[in-house]
Amino acid sequence: MSQMVKDLEGRGYLEHRRSPKDKRSVTLVVTPQGERILARDPIKPLVNAIYGLELGANKFRDILRQVLDGLDITQHSHHADTCRDCIFLAGRAPELPGKMQAEFTCRFFRAPIAKGEVDLLCFNFERREGHKR
């Protein structure tokens, strides 16, 4: 960690400030040059979306969808989405002795998926052809 801090200081992104109360303590402060770099940070949409959670945790999925859509635009690819629109989602999972019957199965992970799980996000998602949001 100290090497990363030294590197960021050397590049002019961070600076040390001595504590006025305790001369042994320092605070790391982002410089204006560092702020300019942070403004271009690709994770910034996620940070902004997290601040939007003040509207209620039940909107988290919709906010995360907006973030993913924003990342799709900048990355020109899609990395995550819900199982419902994924090519790996298959119908009823094969019956396993002594186990509850799952509604669906994930062909990628070869794992059962409960009906309530098809709206969860997966990072191994691949969109089915013809399925648009």
C-alpha atoms as a PDB file:
ATOM      1  CA  MET A   1       0.000   0.000   0.000  1.00  0.00           C
ATOM      2  CA  SER A   2       2.791   2.418   0.862  1.00  0.00           C
ATOM      3  CA  GLN A   3       4.345   1.834  -2.563  1.00  0.00           C
ATOM      4  CA  MET A   4       1.033   2.698  -4.271  1.00  0.00           C
ATOM      5  CA  VAL A   5       0.760   5.881  -2.200  1.00  0.00           C
ATOM      6  CA  LYS A   6       4.336   6.841  -3.123  1.00  0.00           C
ATOM      7  CA  ASP A   7       3.562   6.210  -6.787  1.00  0.00           C
ATOM      8  CA  LEU A   8       0.380   8.336  -6.663  1.00  0.00           C
ATOM      9  CA  GLU A   9       2.289  11.108  -4.885  1.00  0.00           C
ATOM     10  CA  GLY A  10       5.078  10.921  -7.447  1.00  0.00           C
ATOM     11  CA  ARG A  11       2.544  11.357 -10.241  1.00  0.00           C
ATOM     12  CA  GLY A  12       1.028  14.355  -8.474  1.00  0.00           C
ATOM     13  CA  TYR A  13      -2.343  12.747  -7.700  1.00  0.00           C
ATOM     14  CA  LEU A  14      -1.968  12.724  -3.881  1.00  0.00           C
ATOM     15  CA  GLU A  15      -0.190  14.845  -1.314  1.00  0.00           C
ATOM     16  CA  HIS A  16       0.565  14.484   2.394  1.00  0.00           C
ATOM     17  CA  ARG A  17      -0.804  16.997   4.870  1.00  0.00           C
ATOM     18  CA  ARG A  18       0.412  17.009   8.451  1.00  0.00           C
ATOM     19  CA  SER A  19      -2.242  16.954  11.115  1.00  0.00           C
ATOM     20  CA  PRO A  20      -2.400  20.261  13.001  1.00  0.00           C
ATOM     21  CA  LYS A  21      -3.285  18.358  16.197  1.00  0.00           C
ATOM     22  CA  ASP A  22      -0.763  15.531  16.007  1.00  0.00           C
ATOM     23  CA  LYS A  23       2.424  16.239  14.065  1.00  0.00           C
ATOM     24  CA  ARG A  24       3.054  12.480  13.747  1.00  0.00           C
ATOM     25  CA  SER A  25      -0.142  11.972  11.705  1.00  0.00           C
ATOM     26  CA  VAL A  26      -0.624  12.751   8.055  1.00  0.00           C
ATOM     27  CA  THR A  27      -3.687  12.867   5.843  1.00  0.00           C
ATOM     28  CA  LEU A  28      -3.604  11.976   2.184  1.00  0.00           C
ATOM     29  CA  VAL A  29      -5.401  14.541   0.040  1.00  0.00           C
ATOM     30  CA  VAL A  30      -6.327  14.213  -3.617  1.00  0.00           C
ATOM     31  CA  THR A  31      -4.734  17.009  -5.638  1.00  0.00           C
ATOM     32  CA  PRO A  32      -6.548  18.936  -8.406  1.00  0.00           C
ATOM     33  CA  GLN A  33      -4.658  16.767 -10.918  1.00  0.00           C
ATOM     34  CA  GLY A  34      -5.928  13.687  -9.082  1.00  0.00           C
ATOM     35  CA  GLU A  35      -9.488  15.065  -9.145  1.00  0.00           C
ATOM     36  CA  ARG A  36      -9.278  15.408 -12.940  1.00  0.00           C
ATOM     37  CA  ILE A  37      -8.262  11.746 -13.227  1.00  0.00           C
ATOM     38  CA  LEU A  38     -11.059  10.681 -10.876  1.00  0.00           C
ATOM     39  CA  ALA A  39     -13.584  12.581 -12.994  1.00  0.00           C
ATOM     40  CA  ARG A  40     -12.785  10.169 -15.860  1.00  0.00           C
ATOM     41  CA  ASP A  41     -13.018   7.090 -13.620  1.00  0.00           C
ATOM     42  CA  PRO A  42     -15.176   4.380 -15.275  1.00  0.00           C
ATOM     43  CA  ILE A  43     -16.464   3.331 -11.835  1.00  0.00           C
ATOM     44  CA  LYS A  44     -17.918   6.799 -11.209  1.00  0.00           C
ATOM     45  CA  PRO A  45     -21.381   5.774 -12.529  1.00  0.00           C
ATOM     46  CA  LEU A  46     -21.434   3.057  -9.873  1.00  0.00           C
ATOM     47  CA  VAL A  47     -20.525   5.542  -7.155  1.00  0.00           C
ATOM     48  CA  ASN A  48     -23.250   7.921  -8.343  1.00  0.00           C
ATOM     49  CA  ALA A  49     -25.753   5.072  -8.431  1.00  0.00           C
ATOM     50  CA  ILE A  50     -24.887   4.086  -4.867  1.00  0.00           C
ATOM     51  CA  TYR A  51     -25.610   7.635  -3.761  1.00  0.00           C
ATOM     52  CA  GLY A  52     -28.970   7.213  -5.474  1.00  0.00           C
ATOM     53  CA  LEU A  53     -29.817   4.420  -3.041  1.00  0.00           C
ATOM     54  CA  GLU A  54     -31.068   7.068  -0.643  1.00  0.00           C
ATOM     55  CA  LEU A  55     -34.261   6.770  -2.695  1.00  0.00           C
ATOM     56  CA  GLY A  56     -34.714   3.248  -1.291  1.00  0.00           C
ATOM     57  CA  ALA A  57     -32.963  -0.084  -1.457  1.00  0.00           C
ATOM     58  CA  ASN A  58     -35.796  -1.558  -3.506  1.00  0.00           C
ATOM     59  CA  LYS A  59     -34.624   0.599  -6.441  1.00  0.00           C
ATOM     60  CA  PHE A  60     -31.101  -0.822  -6.310  1.00  0.00           C
ATOM     61  CA  ARG A  61     -31.681  -3.230  -9.215  1.00  0.00           C
ATOM     62  CA  ASP A  62     -33.005  -0.445 -11.450  1.00  0.00           C
ATOM     63  CA  ILE A  63     -30.111   1.830 -10.537  1.00  0.00           C
ATOM     64  CA  LEU A  64     -27.618  -0.968 -11.149  1.00  0.00           C
ATOM     65  CA  ARG A  65     -29.291  -1.596 -14.528  1.00  0.00           C
ATOM     66  CA  GLN A  66     -28.665   2.070 -15.429  1.00  0.00           C
ATOM     67  CA  VAL A  67     -25.034   1.712 -14.389  1.00  0.00           C
ATOM     68  CA  LEU A  68     -24.596  -1.433 -16.476  1.00  0.00           C
ATOM     69  CA  ASP A  69     -26.262   0.235 -19.432  1.00  0.00           C
ATOM     70  CA  GLY A  70     -23.887   3.196 -19.058  1.00  0.00           C
ATOM     71  CA  LEU A  71     -20.913   0.870 -18.936  1.00  0.00           C
ATOM     72  CA  ASP A  72     -22.198  -0.959 -22.024  1.00  0.00           C
ATOM     73  CA  ILE A  73     -22.171   2.299 -23.946  1.00  0.00           C
ATOM     74  CA  THR A  74     -18.575   3.059 -22.986  1.00  0.00           C
ATOM     75  CA  GLN A  75     -17.302  -0.528 -23.284  1.00  0.00           C
ATOM     76  CA  HIS A  76     -19.376  -1.480 -26.359  1.00  0.00           C
ATOM     77  CA  SER A  77     -20.067  -4.831 -24.741  1.00  0.00           C
ATOM     78  CA  HIS A  78     -22.290  -6.376 -22.160  1.00  0.00           C
ATOM     79  CA  HIS A  79     -20.860  -8.134 -19.138  1.00  0.00           C
ATOM     80  CA  ALA A  80     -23.759  -8.712 -16.762  1.00  0.00           C
ATOM     81  CA  ASP A  81     -27.492  -9.039 -16.793  1.00  0.00           C
ATOM     82  CA  THR A  82     -30.264 -11.186 -15.392  1.00  0.00           C
ATOM     83  CA  CYS A  83     -30.615 -14.900 -16.044  1.00  0.00           C
ATOM     84  CA  ARG A  84     -34.031 -14.342 -17.610  1.00  0.00           C
ATOM     85  CA  ASP A  85     -32.505 -13.090 -20.906  1.00  0.00           C
ATOM     86  CA  CYS A  86     -29.388 -15.287 -20.897  1.00  0.00           C
ATOM     87  CA  ILE A  87     -28.609 -18.020 -23.428  1.00  0.00           C
ATOM     88  CA  PHE A  88     -27.488 -20.278 -20.576  1.00  0.00           C
ATOM     89  CA  LEU A  89     -30.921 -20.372 -18.908  1.00  0.00           C
ATOM     90  CA  ALA A  90     -32.728 -23.641 -19.549  1.00  0.00           C
ATOM     91  CA  GLY A  91     -36.096 -24.953 -18.430  1.00  0.00           C
ATOM     92  CA  ARG A  92     -36.721 -27.360 -15.573  1.00  0.00           C
ATOM     93  CA  ALA A  93     -33.541 -28.730 -14.033  1.00  0.00           C
ATOM     94  CA  PRO A  94     -33.041 -32.514 -14.042  1.00  0.00           C
ATOM     95  CA  GLU A  95     -34.524 -34.199 -10.974  1.00  0.00           C
ATOM     96  CA  LEU A  96     -31.908 -35.088  -8.368  1.00  0.00           C
ATOM     97  CA  PRO A  97     -32.653 -37.768  -5.756  1.00  0.00           C
ATOM     98  CA  GLY A  98     -33.456 -36.228  -2.367  1.00  0.00           C
ATOM     99  CA  LYS A  99     -33.357 -32.630  -3.695  1.00  0.00           C
ATOM    100  CA  MET A 100     -36.135 -30.148  -4.385  1.00  0.00           C
ATOM    101  CA  GLN A 101     -37.047 -29.705  -8.047  1.00  0.00           C
ATOM    102  CA  ALA A 102     -35.659 -26.415  -9.436  1.00  0.00           C
ATOM    103  CA  GLU A 103     -37.644 -24.405 -11.960  1.00  0.00           C
ATOM    104  CA  PHE A 104     -34.624 -23.704 -14.173  1.00  0.00           C
ATOM    105  CA  THR A 105     -31.017 -24.670 -14.700  1.00  0.00           C
ATOM    106  CA  CYS A 106     -27.933 -22.671 -15.690  1.00  0.00           C
ATOM    107  CA  ARG A 107     -26.134 -24.496 -18.477  1.00  0.00           C
ATOM    108  CA  PHE A 108     -22.987 -22.425 -17.871  1.00  0.00           C
ATOM    109  CA  PHE A 109     -22.629 -23.479 -14.224  1.00  0.00           C
ATOM    110  CA  ARG A 110     -24.672 -26.700 -14.578  1.00  0.00           C
ATOM    111  CA  ALA A 111     -26.586 -25.622 -11.505  1.00  0.00           C
ATOM    112  CA  PRO A 112     -30.262 -25.403 -10.590  1.00  0.00           C
ATOM    113  CA  ILE A 113     -31.873 -21.950 -10.457  1.00  0.00           C
ATOM    114  CA  ALA A 114     -34.997 -21.224  -8.428  1.00  0.00           C
ATOM    115  CA  LYS A 115     -37.792 -19.223 -10.046  1.00  0.00           C
ATOM    116  CA  GLY A 116     -36.996 -16.229  -7.796  1.00  0.00           C
ATOM    117  CA  GLU A 117     -33.355 -16.230  -8.891  1.00  0.00           C
ATOM    118  CA  VAL A 118     -33.886 -15.578 -12.606  1.00  0.00           C
ATOM    119  CA  ASP A 119     -33.926 -11.817 -11.966  1.00  0.00           C
ATOM    120  CA  LEU A 120     -30.547 -11.819 -10.218  1.00  0.00           C
ATOM    121  CA  LEU A 121     -27.452 -10.494 -11.969  1.00  0.00           C
ATOM    122  CA  CYS A 122     -24.803 -12.793 -13.389  1.00  0.00           C
ATOM    123  CA  PHE A 123     -21.437 -11.775 -14.810  1.00  0.00           C
ATOM    124  CA  ASN A 124     -21.301 -14.788 -17.150  1.00  0.00           C
ATOM    125  CA  PHE A 125     -24.340 -13.491 -18.986  1.00  0.00           C
ATOM    126  CA  GLU A 126     -24.740 -13.776 -22.744  1.00  0.00           C
ATOM    127  CA  ARG A 127     -27.861 -12.258 -24.301  1.00  0.00           C
ATOM    128  CA  ARG A 128     -30.195 -14.490 -26.256  1.00  0.00           C
ATOM    129  CA  GLU A 129     -30.574 -13.365 -29.872  1.00  0.00           C
ATOM    130  CA  GLY A 130     -33.707 -11.351 -30.396  1.00  0.00           C
ATOM    131  CA  HIS A 131     -34.057 -10.458 -26.703  1.00  0.00           C
ATOM    132  CA  LYS A 132     -33.837  -6.732 -26.084  1.00  0.00           C
ATOM    133  CA  ARG A 133     -34.386  -4.873 -22.831  1.00  0.00           C
END
